[in-house]
Amino acid sequence: MTDLHQLPQAIAQIQRQALAQEGEIRYLKATLTTFDREIEGTIAFDPELKNESQRKAKKAELQAEEDYQALSIKLQRAQDGLIELQIESELLRSQLSILKLEMRGAIARLEAEAA
């Protein structure tokens, strides 16, 4: 278990990493949205696409392209990374709470012995 004095700094570090990860997620989502808008524009102005099923098929085809898929995978990994950081942060907070309770118990025992 980590030292009581080190835990607040460790928690802050994890929170800073989570903030950076959230920024990366926002960037990836915005980029993916841009891709989607470009795809929608391409589909909207394609005179060969006569009905909704053709438009859906073309959209699926464009979203299956390597760049789009790579970005989608990168976004999913970034989201998974954020969840991992949140789990780590919660674990550190729990450890801090346990250590504080143990310290309070030790102080109470010392006070009881002194009385």
C-alpha atoms as a PDB file:
ATOM      1  CA  MET A   1       0.000   0.000   0.000  1.00  0.00           C
ATOM      2  CA  THR A   2       1.139   3.536  -0.725  1.00  0.00           C
ATOM      3  CA  ASP A   3       2.190   6.038   1.952  1.00  0.00           C
ATOM      4  CA  LEU A   4      -0.581   8.336   3.210  1.00  0.00           C
ATOM      5  CA  HIS A   5       1.369  11.437   2.207  1.00  0.00           C
ATOM      6  CA  GLN A   6       1.914  10.207  -1.366  1.00  0.00           C
ATOM      7  CA  LEU A   7      -1.696   9.331  -2.161  1.00  0.00           C
ATOM      8  CA  PRO A   8      -3.068  12.859  -2.725  1.00  0.00           C
ATOM      9  CA  GLN A   9      -0.289  13.558  -5.231  1.00  0.00           C
ATOM     10  CA  ALA A  10      -0.889  10.208  -6.950  1.00  0.00           C
ATOM     11  CA  ILE A  11      -4.626  10.944  -7.157  1.00  0.00           C
ATOM     12  CA  ALA A  12      -3.949  14.388  -8.633  1.00  0.00           C
ATOM     13  CA  GLN A  13      -1.586  12.883 -11.200  1.00  0.00           C
ATOM     14  CA  ILE A  14      -4.205  10.336 -12.287  1.00  0.00           C
ATOM     15  CA  GLN A  15      -6.817  13.094 -12.532  1.00  0.00           C
ATOM     16  CA  ARG A  16      -4.498  15.172 -14.746  1.00  0.00           C
ATOM     17  CA  GLN A  17      -3.982  12.129 -16.972  1.00  0.00           C
ATOM     18  CA  ALA A  18      -7.760  11.614 -17.120  1.00  0.00           C
ATOM     19  CA  LEU A  19      -8.231  15.253 -18.117  1.00  0.00           C
ATOM     20  CA  ALA A  20      -5.705  14.863 -20.926  1.00  0.00           C
ATOM     21  CA  GLN A  21      -7.447  11.650 -22.007  1.00  0.00           C
ATOM     22  CA  GLU A  22     -10.797  13.461 -22.082  1.00  0.00           C
ATOM     23  CA  GLY A  23      -9.238  16.104 -24.332  1.00  0.00           C
ATOM     24  CA  GLU A  24      -7.996  13.395 -26.677  1.00  0.00           C
ATOM     25  CA  ILE A  25     -11.470  11.837 -26.726  1.00  0.00           C
ATOM     26  CA  ARG A  26     -13.076  15.202 -27.562  1.00  0.00           C
ATOM     27  CA  TYR A  27     -10.579  15.686 -30.398  1.00  0.00           C
ATOM     28  CA  LEU A  28     -11.194  12.197 -31.793  1.00  0.00           C
ATOM     29  CA  LYS A  29     -14.974  12.621 -31.592  1.00  0.00           C
ATOM     30  CA  ALA A  30     -14.756  15.949 -33.410  1.00  0.00           C
ATOM     31  CA  THR A  31     -12.584  14.401 -36.101  1.00  0.00           C
ATOM     32  CA  LEU A  32     -14.986  11.478 -36.463  1.00  0.00           C
ATOM     33  CA  THR A  33     -17.891  13.928 -36.723  1.00  0.00           C
ATOM     34  CA  THR A  34     -16.039  15.727 -39.514  1.00  0.00           C
ATOM     35  CA  PHE A  35     -15.568  12.411 -41.323  1.00  0.00           C
ATOM     36  CA  ASP A  36     -19.281  11.656 -40.906  1.00  0.00           C
ATOM     37  CA  ARG A  37     -20.258  15.055 -42.305  1.00  0.00           C
ATOM     38  CA  GLU A  38     -18.002  14.525 -45.303  1.00  0.00           C
ATOM     39  CA  ILE A  39     -19.575  11.111 -45.857  1.00  0.00           C
ATOM     40  CA  GLU A  40     -23.086  12.580 -45.588  1.00  0.00           C
ATOM     41  CA  GLY A  41     -22.132  15.306 -48.073  1.00  0.00           C
ATOM     42  CA  THR A  42     -20.717  12.772 -50.491  1.00  0.00           C
ATOM     43  CA  ILE A  43     -23.877  10.699 -50.270  1.00  0.00           C
ATOM     44  CA  ALA A  44     -26.221  13.688 -50.557  1.00  0.00           C
ATOM     45  CA  PHE A  45     -24.671  14.885 -53.804  1.00  0.00           C
ATOM     46  CA  ASP A  46     -24.179  11.503 -55.475  1.00  0.00           C
ATOM     47  CA  PRO A  47     -26.749  11.343 -58.305  1.00  0.00           C
ATOM     48  CA  GLU A  48     -26.247   7.591 -58.698  1.00  0.00           C
ATOM     49  CA  LEU A  49     -27.767   6.879 -55.269  1.00  0.00           C
ATOM     50  CA  LYS A  50     -31.469   6.625 -56.043  1.00  0.00           C
ATOM     51  CA  ASN A  51     -32.992   5.403 -52.772  1.00  0.00           C
ATOM     52  CA  GLU A  52     -32.398   5.120 -49.032  1.00  0.00           C
ATOM     53  CA  SER A  53     -31.013   1.585 -49.171  1.00  0.00           C
ATOM     54  CA  GLN A  54     -28.387   2.652 -51.719  1.00  0.00           C
ATOM     55  CA  ARG A  55     -27.453   5.639 -49.536  1.00  0.00           C
ATOM     56  CA  LYS A  56     -27.154   3.419 -46.455  1.00  0.00           C
ATOM     57  CA  ALA A  57     -24.995   0.939 -48.346  1.00  0.00           C
ATOM     58  CA  LYS A  58     -22.721   3.722 -49.605  1.00  0.00           C
ATOM     59  CA  LYS A  59     -22.448   5.176 -46.083  1.00  0.00           C
ATOM     60  CA  ALA A  60     -21.488   1.774 -44.678  1.00  0.00           C
ATOM     61  CA  GLU A  61     -18.942   1.370 -47.474  1.00  0.00           C
ATOM     62  CA  LEU A  62     -17.361   4.762 -46.749  1.00  0.00           C
ATOM     63  CA  GLN A  63     -17.340   4.128 -42.985  1.00  0.00           C
ATOM     64  CA  ALA A  64     -15.587   0.810 -43.588  1.00  0.00           C
ATOM     65  CA  GLU A  65     -12.593   2.581 -45.129  1.00  0.00           C
ATOM     66  CA  GLU A  66      -9.274   2.223 -43.322  1.00  0.00           C
ATOM     67  CA  ASP A  67      -8.942   5.834 -42.112  1.00  0.00           C
ATOM     68  CA  TYR A  68     -12.436   5.894 -40.635  1.00  0.00           C
ATOM     69  CA  GLN A  69     -12.002   2.511 -38.963  1.00  0.00           C
ATOM     70  CA  ALA A  70      -8.586   3.458 -37.566  1.00  0.00           C
ATOM     71  CA  LEU A  71     -10.064   6.610 -36.054  1.00  0.00           C
ATOM     72  CA  SER A  72     -12.986   4.660 -34.583  1.00  0.00           C
ATOM     73  CA  ILE A  73     -10.602   2.156 -33.004  1.00  0.00           C
ATOM     74  CA  LYS A  74      -8.403   4.948 -31.652  1.00  0.00           C
ATOM     75  CA  LEU A  75     -11.473   6.597 -30.093  1.00  0.00           C
ATOM     76  CA  GLN A  76     -12.542   3.330 -28.459  1.00  0.00           C
ATOM     77  CA  ARG A  77      -9.054   2.803 -27.041  1.00  0.00           C
ATOM     78  CA  ALA A  78      -8.997   6.361 -25.695  1.00  0.00           C
ATOM     79  CA  GLN A  79     -12.375   5.794 -24.034  1.00  0.00           C
ATOM     80  CA  ASP A  80     -11.129   2.520 -22.544  1.00  0.00           C
ATOM     81  CA  GLY A  81      -8.019   4.324 -21.294  1.00  0.00           C
ATOM     82  CA  LEU A  82     -10.182   6.936 -19.578  1.00  0.00           C
ATOM     83  CA  ILE A  83     -12.163   4.214 -17.831  1.00  0.00           C
ATOM     84  CA  GLU A  84      -8.910   2.626 -16.645  1.00  0.00           C
ATOM     85  CA  LEU A  85      -7.774   5.983 -15.238  1.00  0.00           C
ATOM     86  CA  GLN A  86     -11.106   6.435 -13.475  1.00  0.00           C
ATOM     87  CA  ILE A  87     -10.763   2.973 -11.921  1.00  0.00           C
ATOM     88  CA  GLU A  88      -7.213   3.769 -10.798  1.00  0.00           C
ATOM     89  CA  SER A  89      -8.338   7.075  -9.310  1.00  0.00           C
ATOM     90  CA  GLU A  90     -11.130   5.390  -7.369  1.00  0.00           C
ATOM     91  CA  LEU A  91      -8.722   2.728  -6.103  1.00  0.00           C
ATOM     92  CA  LEU A  92      -6.313   5.386  -4.844  1.00  0.00           C
ATOM     93  CA  ARG A  93      -9.152   7.278  -3.156  1.00  0.00           C
ATOM     94  CA  SER A  94     -10.253   4.079  -1.452  1.00  0.00           C
ATOM     95  CA  GLN A  95      -6.703   3.414  -0.278  1.00  0.00           C
ATOM     96  CA  LEU A  96      -6.534   6.957   1.097  1.00  0.00           C
ATOM     97  CA  SER A  97      -9.793   6.455   2.987  1.00  0.00           C
ATOM     98  CA  ILE A  98      -8.549   3.172   4.458  1.00  0.00           C
ATOM     99  CA  LEU A  99      -5.274   4.719   5.577  1.00  0.00           C
ATOM    100  CA  LYS A 100      -7.089   7.658   7.155  1.00  0.00           C
ATOM    101  CA  LEU A 101      -9.381   5.278   9.047  1.00  0.00           C
ATOM    102  CA  GLU A 102      -6.403   3.241  10.218  1.00  0.00           C
ATOM    103  CA  MET A 103      -4.686   6.424  11.430  1.00  0.00           C
ATOM    104  CA  ARG A 104      -7.819   7.536  13.281  1.00  0.00           C
ATOM    105  CA  GLY A 105      -8.056   4.102  14.894  1.00  0.00           C
ATOM    106  CA  ALA A 106      -4.426   4.273  15.995  1.00  0.00           C
ATOM    107  CA  ILE A 107      -4.953   7.753  17.442  1.00  0.00           C
ATOM    108  CA  ALA A 108      -8.082   6.595  19.287  1.00  0.00           C
ATOM    109  CA  ARG A 109      -6.177   3.631  20.756  1.00  0.00           C
ATOM    110  CA  LEU A 110      -3.352   5.903  21.914  1.00  0.00           C
ATOM    111  CA  GLU A 111      -5.816   8.321  23.475  1.00  0.00           C
ATOM    112  CA  ALA A 112      -7.601   5.441  25.224  1.00  0.00           C
ATOM    113  CA  GLU A 113      -4.296   4.116  26.581  1.00  0.00           C
ATOM    114  CA  ALA A 114      -3.293   7.575  27.791  1.00  0.00           C
ATOM    115  CA  ALA A 115      -6.587   8.112  29.607  1.00  0.00           C
END
